[in-house]
Amino acid sequence: MPKTNRYYVVWEGRQKGIFDTWSAAEAQVKGYTGTKYKAFESLEAARAAFAGEPHEHIGKKPKADSPLGAAGTATPKAGSRRILANPPIWDSYSVDAACSGNPGVLEYRCVHTGSREVVFARGPYDAGTNNVGEFLALVEILALCVKKGDPRPIYTDSKTALAWLRNKKAKPQNPQRLNPLLLERLARAEAWLAKHSYPNQVLKWDTGAWGENPADYGRK
């Protein structure tokens, strides 16, 4: 018999939505307290369930005229149609930054998108900005990938960091207010970009369709 595709509805998890692979789902629900999810054997049933309440479906048999539902797990996503039509590349890296002010105390990090395993984490640094952190994280993971011969894609949700990367030049506002250590790191990042090329795709994370970036600090 042909294998049946399952669609995973996640009502409560790191990110909510409908997902079409277990591996993607597992990365989002594993270790999450209070998760609510269920698997369905048709996209139509999953969409109908996601629009309702979890107690209407969890632990209950499907209706005779609806596809069979079974307990499962879910991945991080919000916006079912788009994610199913165009999911992120899970075997990739994601970067993000958190800053309590502008400028303020800055942290930034890179994680593996699918597993959320931390590749590196930097900070806290005084007198930083989100854009500076995102740009530094991008250049650091690119340098690491070039060093290791790793061609996997990289995601960021910062349009500004992507623009700086394309131009190979950071343009922070009021640089005189930034931490001198961060200014030094920006200069080194620009110098690295001027001398190196990289095979990695650097992509915009689609927060509207997929939920928060896996590297997000969850402080919003």
C-alpha atoms as a PDB file:
ATOM      1  CA  MET A   1       0.000   0.000   0.000  1.00  0.00           C
ATOM      2  CA  PRO A   2       1.282   3.511  -0.733  1.00  0.00           C
ATOM      3  CA  LYS A   3       2.506   5.473   2.223  1.00  0.00           C
ATOM      4  CA  THR A   4       0.016   8.028   3.558  1.00  0.00           C
ATOM      5  CA  ASN A   5       1.260  11.553   4.130  1.00  0.00           C
ATOM      6  CA  ARG A   6       0.332  13.015   7.474  1.00  0.00           C
ATOM      7  CA  TYR A   7      -0.224  16.627   8.385  1.00  0.00           C
ATOM      8  CA  TYR A   8       0.589  17.761  11.903  1.00  0.00           C
ATOM      9  CA  VAL A   9      -1.527  20.390  13.622  1.00  0.00           C
ATOM     10  CA  VAL A  10       0.147  22.204  16.476  1.00  0.00           C
ATOM     11  CA  TRP A  11      -2.131  24.315  18.607  1.00  0.00           C
ATOM     12  CA  GLU A  12       0.439  24.810  21.365  1.00  0.00           C
ATOM     13  CA  GLY A  13       4.182  24.587  20.803  1.00  0.00           C
ATOM     14  CA  ARG A  14       7.183  26.754  20.097  1.00  0.00           C
ATOM     15  CA  GLN A  15       5.337  27.768  16.981  1.00  0.00           C
ATOM     16  CA  LYS A  16       1.763  27.031  15.929  1.00  0.00           C
ATOM     17  CA  GLY A  17       0.528  25.826  12.571  1.00  0.00           C
ATOM     18  CA  ILE A  18       0.223  22.892  10.188  1.00  0.00           C
ATOM     19  CA  PHE A  19       3.301  20.973   9.147  1.00  0.00           C
ATOM     20  CA  ASP A  20       3.851  18.192   6.684  1.00  0.00           C
ATOM     21  CA  THR A  21       6.880  16.365   8.126  1.00  0.00           C
ATOM     22  CA  TRP A  22       7.533  14.771  11.486  1.00  0.00           C
ATOM     23  CA  SER A  23      11.190  15.812  11.549  1.00  0.00           C
ATOM     24  CA  ALA A  24      10.219  19.461  11.310  1.00  0.00           C
ATOM     25  CA  ALA A  25       7.593  18.982  13.979  1.00  0.00           C
ATOM     26  CA  GLU A  26       9.831  17.140  16.385  1.00  0.00           C
ATOM     27  CA  ALA A  27      12.328  19.979  16.484  1.00  0.00           C
ATOM     28  CA  GLN A  28       9.571  22.282  17.707  1.00  0.00           C
ATOM     29  CA  VAL A  29       7.705  20.215  20.266  1.00  0.00           C
ATOM     30  CA  LYS A  30      10.500  18.206  21.816  1.00  0.00           C
ATOM     31  CA  GLY A  31      11.040  19.428  25.349  1.00  0.00           C
ATOM     32  CA  TYR A  32       8.177  21.940  25.129  1.00  0.00           C
ATOM     33  CA  THR A  33       5.836  21.954  28.142  1.00  0.00           C
ATOM     34  CA  GLY A  34       2.090  21.968  27.508  1.00  0.00           C
ATOM     35  CA  THR A  35       2.229  21.142  23.831  1.00  0.00           C
ATOM     36  CA  LYS A  36      -1.037  20.303  22.059  1.00  0.00           C
ATOM     37  CA  TYR A  37      -0.900  18.602  18.690  1.00  0.00           C
ATOM     38  CA  LYS A  38      -2.380  15.880  16.547  1.00  0.00           C
ATOM     39  CA  ALA A  39      -1.725  14.259  13.180  1.00  0.00           C
ATOM     40  CA  PHE A  40      -4.251  14.033  10.364  1.00  0.00           C
ATOM     41  CA  GLU A  41      -4.202  12.100   7.121  1.00  0.00           C
ATOM     42  CA  SER A  42      -5.453  14.906   4.892  1.00  0.00           C
ATOM     43  CA  LEU A  43      -4.618  18.575   4.582  1.00  0.00           C
ATOM     44  CA  GLU A  44      -8.315  19.436   4.568  1.00  0.00           C
ATOM     45  CA  ALA A  45      -8.865  17.740   7.934  1.00  0.00           C
ATOM     46  CA  ALA A  46      -5.783  19.417   9.367  1.00  0.00           C
ATOM     47  CA  ARG A  47      -6.939  22.861   8.263  1.00  0.00           C
ATOM     48  CA  ALA A  48     -10.384  22.327   9.754  1.00  0.00           C
ATOM     49  CA  ALA A  49      -8.857  21.145  13.035  1.00  0.00           C
ATOM     50  CA  PHE A  50      -6.398  24.021  13.231  1.00  0.00           C
ATOM     51  CA  ALA A  51      -9.278  26.471  12.875  1.00  0.00           C
ATOM     52  CA  GLY A  52     -10.984  24.873  15.885  1.00  0.00           C
ATOM     53  CA  GLU A  53     -10.025  24.116  19.473  1.00  0.00           C
ATOM     54  CA  PRO A  54      -7.585  21.343  20.450  1.00  0.00           C
ATOM     55  CA  HIS A  55     -10.040  19.741  22.904  1.00  0.00           C
ATOM     56  CA  GLU A  56     -12.393  19.119  19.986  1.00  0.00           C
ATOM     57  CA  HIS A  57      -9.851  16.747  18.420  1.00  0.00           C
ATOM     58  CA  ILE A  58      -7.239  15.482  20.882  1.00  0.00           C
ATOM     59  CA  GLY A  59      -8.162  12.094  22.294  1.00  0.00           C
ATOM     60  CA  LYS A  60     -11.233  11.766  20.079  1.00  0.00           C
ATOM     61  CA  LYS A  61     -11.882   9.515  17.123  1.00  0.00           C
ATOM     62  CA  PRO A  62     -12.385  11.214  13.772  1.00  0.00           C
ATOM     63  CA  LYS A  63     -15.847  11.463  12.300  1.00  0.00           C
ATOM     64  CA  ALA A  64     -16.838   8.745   9.881  1.00  0.00           C
ATOM     65  CA  ASP A  65     -16.716  11.148   6.948  1.00  0.00           C
ATOM     66  CA  SER A  66     -13.391  12.673   7.889  1.00  0.00           C
ATOM     67  CA  PRO A  67      -9.865  11.293   7.481  1.00  0.00           C
ATOM     68  CA  LEU A  68      -8.380   9.365  10.339  1.00  0.00           C
ATOM     69  CA  GLY A  69      -6.508  11.447  12.908  1.00  0.00           C
ATOM     70  CA  ALA A  70      -3.736  10.111  15.094  1.00  0.00           C
ATOM     71  CA  ALA A  71      -1.556  11.503  17.831  1.00  0.00           C
ATOM     72  CA  GLY A  72       1.632  12.993  16.470  1.00  0.00           C
ATOM     73  CA  THR A  73       3.981  15.849  16.802  1.00  0.00           C
ATOM     74  CA  ALA A  74       4.418  19.169  15.191  1.00  0.00           C
ATOM     75  CA  THR A  75       6.900  21.614  13.929  1.00  0.00           C
ATOM     76  CA  PRO A  76       7.289  25.295  14.212  1.00  0.00           C
ATOM     77  CA  LYS A  77       5.009  27.131  11.863  1.00  0.00           C
ATOM     78  CA  ALA A  78       2.287  29.642  11.673  1.00  0.00           C
ATOM     79  CA  GLY A  79       0.327  30.137   8.467  1.00  0.00           C
ATOM     80  CA  SER A  80      -0.476  26.648   7.280  1.00  0.00           C
ATOM     81  CA  ARG A  81      -0.847  27.053   3.517  1.00  0.00           C
ATOM     82  CA  ARG A  82       2.345  28.947   2.894  1.00  0.00           C
ATOM     83  CA  ILE A  83       4.417  26.742   5.090  1.00  0.00           C
ATOM     84  CA  LEU A  84       3.219  23.602   3.455  1.00  0.00           C
ATOM     85  CA  ALA A  85       3.670  25.091  -0.001  1.00  0.00           C
ATOM     86  CA  ASN A  86       7.072  26.576   0.702  1.00  0.00           C
ATOM     87  CA  PRO A  87       8.607  25.422   3.991  1.00  0.00           C
ATOM     88  CA  PRO A  88      12.018  26.600   5.156  1.00  0.00           C
ATOM     89  CA  ILE A  89      15.097  24.498   4.531  1.00  0.00           C
ATOM     90  CA  TRP A  90      15.464  22.722   7.862  1.00  0.00           C
ATOM     91  CA  ASP A  91      19.072  21.623   7.307  1.00  0.00           C
ATOM     92  CA  SER A  92      20.345  25.188   7.508  1.00  0.00           C
ATOM     93  CA  TYR A  93      21.418  27.827  10.004  1.00  0.00           C
ATOM     94  CA  SER A  94      19.456  30.715  11.509  1.00  0.00           C
ATOM     95  CA  VAL A  95      20.797  33.835  13.220  1.00  0.00           C
ATOM     96  CA  ASP A  96      19.135  36.382  15.451  1.00  0.00           C
ATOM     97  CA  ALA A  97      19.948  39.111  17.955  1.00  0.00           C
ATOM     98  CA  ALA A  98      18.330  40.551  21.070  1.00  0.00           C
ATOM     99  CA  CYS A  99      18.959  44.069  22.314  1.00  0.00           C
ATOM    100  CA  SER A 100      17.398  45.831  25.304  1.00  0.00           C
ATOM    101  CA  GLY A 101      17.510  49.350  23.910  1.00  0.00           C
ATOM    102  CA  ASN A 102      18.878  51.248  20.940  1.00  0.00           C
ATOM    103  CA  PRO A 103      21.675  51.159  21.734  1.00  0.00           C
ATOM    104  CA  GLY A 104      21.438  48.687  24.586  1.00  0.00           C
ATOM    105  CA  VAL A 105      22.710  45.387  25.907  1.00  0.00           C
ATOM    106  CA  LEU A 106      23.199  43.131  22.875  1.00  0.00           C
ATOM    107  CA  GLU A 107      23.376  39.381  22.401  1.00  0.00           C
ATOM    108  CA  TYR A 108      23.426  37.437  19.156  1.00  0.00           C
ATOM    109  CA  ARG A 109      23.596  33.796  18.175  1.00  0.00           C
ATOM    110  CA  CYS A 110      23.367  31.171  15.465  1.00  0.00           C
ATOM    111  CA  VAL A 111      21.470  27.878  15.690  1.00  0.00           C
ATOM    112  CA  HIS A 112      20.832  24.922  13.423  1.00  0.00           C
ATOM    113  CA  THR A 113      17.381  25.665  12.028  1.00  0.00           C
ATOM    114  CA  GLY A 114      15.882  22.200  12.410  1.00  0.00           C
ATOM    115  CA  SER A 115      17.322  21.101  15.741  1.00  0.00           C
ATOM    116  CA  ARG A 116      17.839  24.541  17.325  1.00  0.00           C
ATOM    117  CA  GLU A 117      21.248  23.379  18.495  1.00  0.00           C
ATOM    118  CA  VAL A 118      23.330  26.461  19.270  1.00  0.00           C
ATOM    119  CA  VAL A 119      26.313  26.875  16.953  1.00  0.00           C
ATOM    120  CA  PHE A 120      27.628  29.972  18.759  1.00  0.00           C
ATOM    121  CA  ALA A 121      26.334  32.655  21.086  1.00  0.00           C
ATOM    122  CA  ARG A 122      27.979  36.019  21.726  1.00  0.00           C
ATOM    123  CA  GLY A 123      27.445  38.684  24.341  1.00  0.00           C
ATOM    124  CA  PRO A 124      26.130  40.390  26.255  1.00  0.00           C
ATOM    125  CA  TYR A 125      27.757  43.590  25.004  1.00  0.00           C
ATOM    126  CA  ASP A 126      26.885  47.068  26.192  1.00  0.00           C
ATOM    127  CA  ALA A 127      25.874  49.737  23.667  1.00  0.00           C
ATOM    128  CA  GLY A 128      24.840  47.543  20.753  1.00  0.00           C
ATOM    129  CA  THR A 129      21.895  47.320  18.352  1.00  0.00           C
ATOM    130  CA  ASN A 130      19.870  44.500  16.828  1.00  0.00           C
ATOM    131  CA  ASN A 131      21.109  45.276  13.321  1.00  0.00           C
ATOM    132  CA  VAL A 132      24.728  45.163  14.422  1.00  0.00           C
ATOM    133  CA  GLY A 133      24.166  41.819  16.141  1.00  0.00           C
ATOM    134  CA  GLU A 134      22.372  40.285  13.158  1.00  0.00           C
ATOM    135  CA  PHE A 135      25.079  41.426  10.756  1.00  0.00           C
ATOM    136  CA  LEU A 136      27.909  40.141  12.952  1.00  0.00           C
ATOM    137  CA  ALA A 137      26.127  36.810  13.381  1.00  0.00           C
ATOM    138  CA  LEU A 138      25.704  36.471   9.609  1.00  0.00           C
ATOM    139  CA  VAL A 139      29.338  37.165   8.855  1.00  0.00           C
ATOM    140  CA  GLU A 140      30.545  34.877  11.649  1.00  0.00           C
ATOM    141  CA  ILE A 141      28.517  31.890  10.444  1.00  0.00           C
ATOM    142  CA  LEU A 142      29.566  32.580   6.851  1.00  0.00           C
ATOM    143  CA  ALA A 143      33.229  32.617   7.895  1.00  0.00           C
ATOM    144  CA  LEU A 144      32.731  29.385   9.826  1.00  0.00           C
ATOM    145  CA  CYS A 145      31.015  27.744   6.855  1.00  0.00           C
ATOM    146  CA  VAL A 146      33.805  28.784   4.484  1.00  0.00           C
ATOM    147  CA  LYS A 147      36.404  27.430   6.900  1.00  0.00           C
ATOM    148  CA  LYS A 148      34.615  24.077   7.170  1.00  0.00           C
ATOM    149  CA  GLY A 149      33.450  23.832   3.569  1.00  0.00           C
ATOM    150  CA  ASP A 150      29.823  23.869   4.711  1.00  0.00           C
ATOM    151  CA  PRO A 151      27.433  25.112   1.965  1.00  0.00           C
ATOM    152  CA  ARG A 152      24.186  25.034   3.983  1.00  0.00           C
ATOM    153  CA  PRO A 153      21.829  28.031   3.696  1.00  0.00           C
ATOM    154  CA  ILE A 154      21.562  30.704   6.378  1.00  0.00           C
ATOM    155  CA  TYR A 155      18.420  32.534   7.498  1.00  0.00           C
ATOM    156  CA  THR A 156      17.963  35.942   9.080  1.00  0.00           C
ATOM    157  CA  ASP A 157      14.816  37.985   9.675  1.00  0.00           C
ATOM    158  CA  SER A 158      16.703  41.291   9.394  1.00  0.00           C
ATOM    159  CA  LYS A 159      16.327  43.169   6.089  1.00  0.00           C
ATOM    160  CA  THR A 160      18.937  45.647   7.264  1.00  0.00           C
ATOM    161  CA  ALA A 161      21.526  42.960   7.962  1.00  0.00           C
ATOM    162  CA  LEU A 162      20.870  41.469   4.522  1.00  0.00           C
ATOM    163  CA  ALA A 163      21.400  44.882   2.914  1.00  0.00           C
ATOM    164  CA  TRP A 164      24.653  45.411   4.813  1.00  0.00           C
ATOM    165  CA  LEU A 165      25.805  41.960   3.738  1.00  0.00           C
ATOM    166  CA  ARG A 166      25.038  42.649   0.072  1.00  0.00           C
ATOM    167  CA  ASN A 167      26.923  45.939   0.248  1.00  0.00           C
ATOM    168  CA  LYS A 168      29.729  44.419   2.351  1.00  0.00           C
ATOM    169  CA  LYS A 169      29.416  47.476   4.546  1.00  0.00           C
ATOM    170  CA  ALA A 170      27.679  48.081   7.869  1.00  0.00           C
ATOM    171  CA  LYS A 171      25.944  51.430   8.275  1.00  0.00           C
ATOM    172  CA  PRO A 172      24.794  51.698  11.890  1.00  0.00           C
ATOM    173  CA  GLN A 173      23.100  54.875  13.024  1.00  0.00           C
ATOM    174  CA  ASN A 174      25.117  56.962  15.459  1.00  0.00           C
ATOM    175  CA  PRO A 175      28.200  54.713  15.425  1.00  0.00           C
ATOM    176  CA  GLN A 176      29.843  56.993  17.976  1.00  0.00           C
ATOM    177  CA  ARG A 177      27.371  55.633  20.534  1.00  0.00           C
ATOM    178  CA  LEU A 178      28.319  51.998  19.921  1.00  0.00           C
ATOM    179  CA  ASN A 179      30.598  49.863  22.055  1.00  0.00           C
ATOM    180  CA  PRO A 180      34.175  50.195  20.678  1.00  0.00           C
ATOM    181  CA  LEU A 181      34.516  46.402  20.739  1.00  0.00           C
ATOM    182  CA  LEU A 182      31.501  46.093  18.450  1.00  0.00           C
ATOM    183  CA  LEU A 183      32.893  48.733  16.116  1.00  0.00           C
ATOM    184  CA  GLU A 184      36.105  46.720  15.934  1.00  0.00           C
ATOM    185  CA  ARG A 185      34.124  43.575  15.138  1.00  0.00           C
ATOM    186  CA  LEU A 186      32.196  45.385  12.425  1.00  0.00           C
ATOM    187  CA  ALA A 187      35.462  46.486  10.823  1.00  0.00           C
ATOM    188  CA  ARG A 188      36.790  42.928  10.891  1.00  0.00           C
ATOM    189  CA  ALA A 189      33.538  41.615   9.405  1.00  0.00           C
ATOM    190  CA  GLU A 190      33.737  44.112   6.554  1.00  0.00           C
ATOM    191  CA  ALA A 191      37.369  43.196   5.940  1.00  0.00           C
ATOM    192  CA  TRP A 192      36.459  39.497   5.790  1.00  0.00           C
ATOM    193  CA  LEU A 193      33.673  40.151   3.291  1.00  0.00           C
ATOM    194  CA  ALA A 194      36.012  42.194   1.114  1.00  0.00           C
ATOM    195  CA  LYS A 195      38.435  39.260   0.817  1.00  0.00           C
ATOM    196  CA  HIS A 196      36.154  36.223   0.713  1.00  0.00           C
ATOM    197  CA  SER A 197      33.313  34.738  -1.280  1.00  0.00           C
ATOM    198  CA  TYR A 198      30.938  32.080   0.011  1.00  0.00           C
ATOM    199  CA  PRO A 199      28.696  29.397  -1.542  1.00  0.00           C
ATOM    200  CA  ASN A 200      25.925  29.709   1.041  1.00  0.00           C
ATOM    201  CA  GLN A 201      22.529  31.154   0.236  1.00  0.00           C
ATOM    202  CA  VAL A 202      21.612  33.854   2.748  1.00  0.00           C
ATOM    203  CA  LEU A 203      17.830  33.947   2.936  1.00  0.00           C
ATOM    204  CA  LYS A 204      15.103  36.010   4.570  1.00  0.00           C
ATOM    205  CA  TRP A 205      13.210  34.123   7.267  1.00  0.00           C
ATOM    206  CA  ASP A 206       9.464  34.397   6.561  1.00  0.00           C
ATOM    207  CA  THR A 207       8.132  35.172  10.029  1.00  0.00           C
ATOM    208  CA  GLY A 208       4.578  35.629   8.806  1.00  0.00           C
ATOM    209  CA  ALA A 209       4.414  32.103   7.388  1.00  0.00           C
ATOM    210  CA  TRP A 210       6.800  30.218   9.647  1.00  0.00           C
ATOM    211  CA  GLY A 211       6.625  31.906  13.027  1.00  0.00           C
ATOM    212  CA  GLU A 212       9.623  33.257  14.893  1.00  0.00           C
ATOM    213  CA  ASN A 213      13.146  32.596  13.689  1.00  0.00           C
ATOM    214  CA  PRO A 214      14.517  29.468  15.468  1.00  0.00           C
ATOM    215  CA  ALA A 215      17.371  31.610  16.861  1.00  0.00           C
ATOM    216  CA  ASP A 216      14.911  34.088  18.394  1.00  0.00           C
ATOM    217  CA  TYR A 217      15.486  34.841  22.088  1.00  0.00           C
ATOM    218  CA  GLY A 218      11.762  34.901  22.885  1.00  0.00           C
ATOM    219  CA  ARG A 219      11.903  38.276  24.644  1.00  0.00           C
ATOM    220  CA  LYS A 220       9.356  40.191  22.562  1.00  0.00           C
END
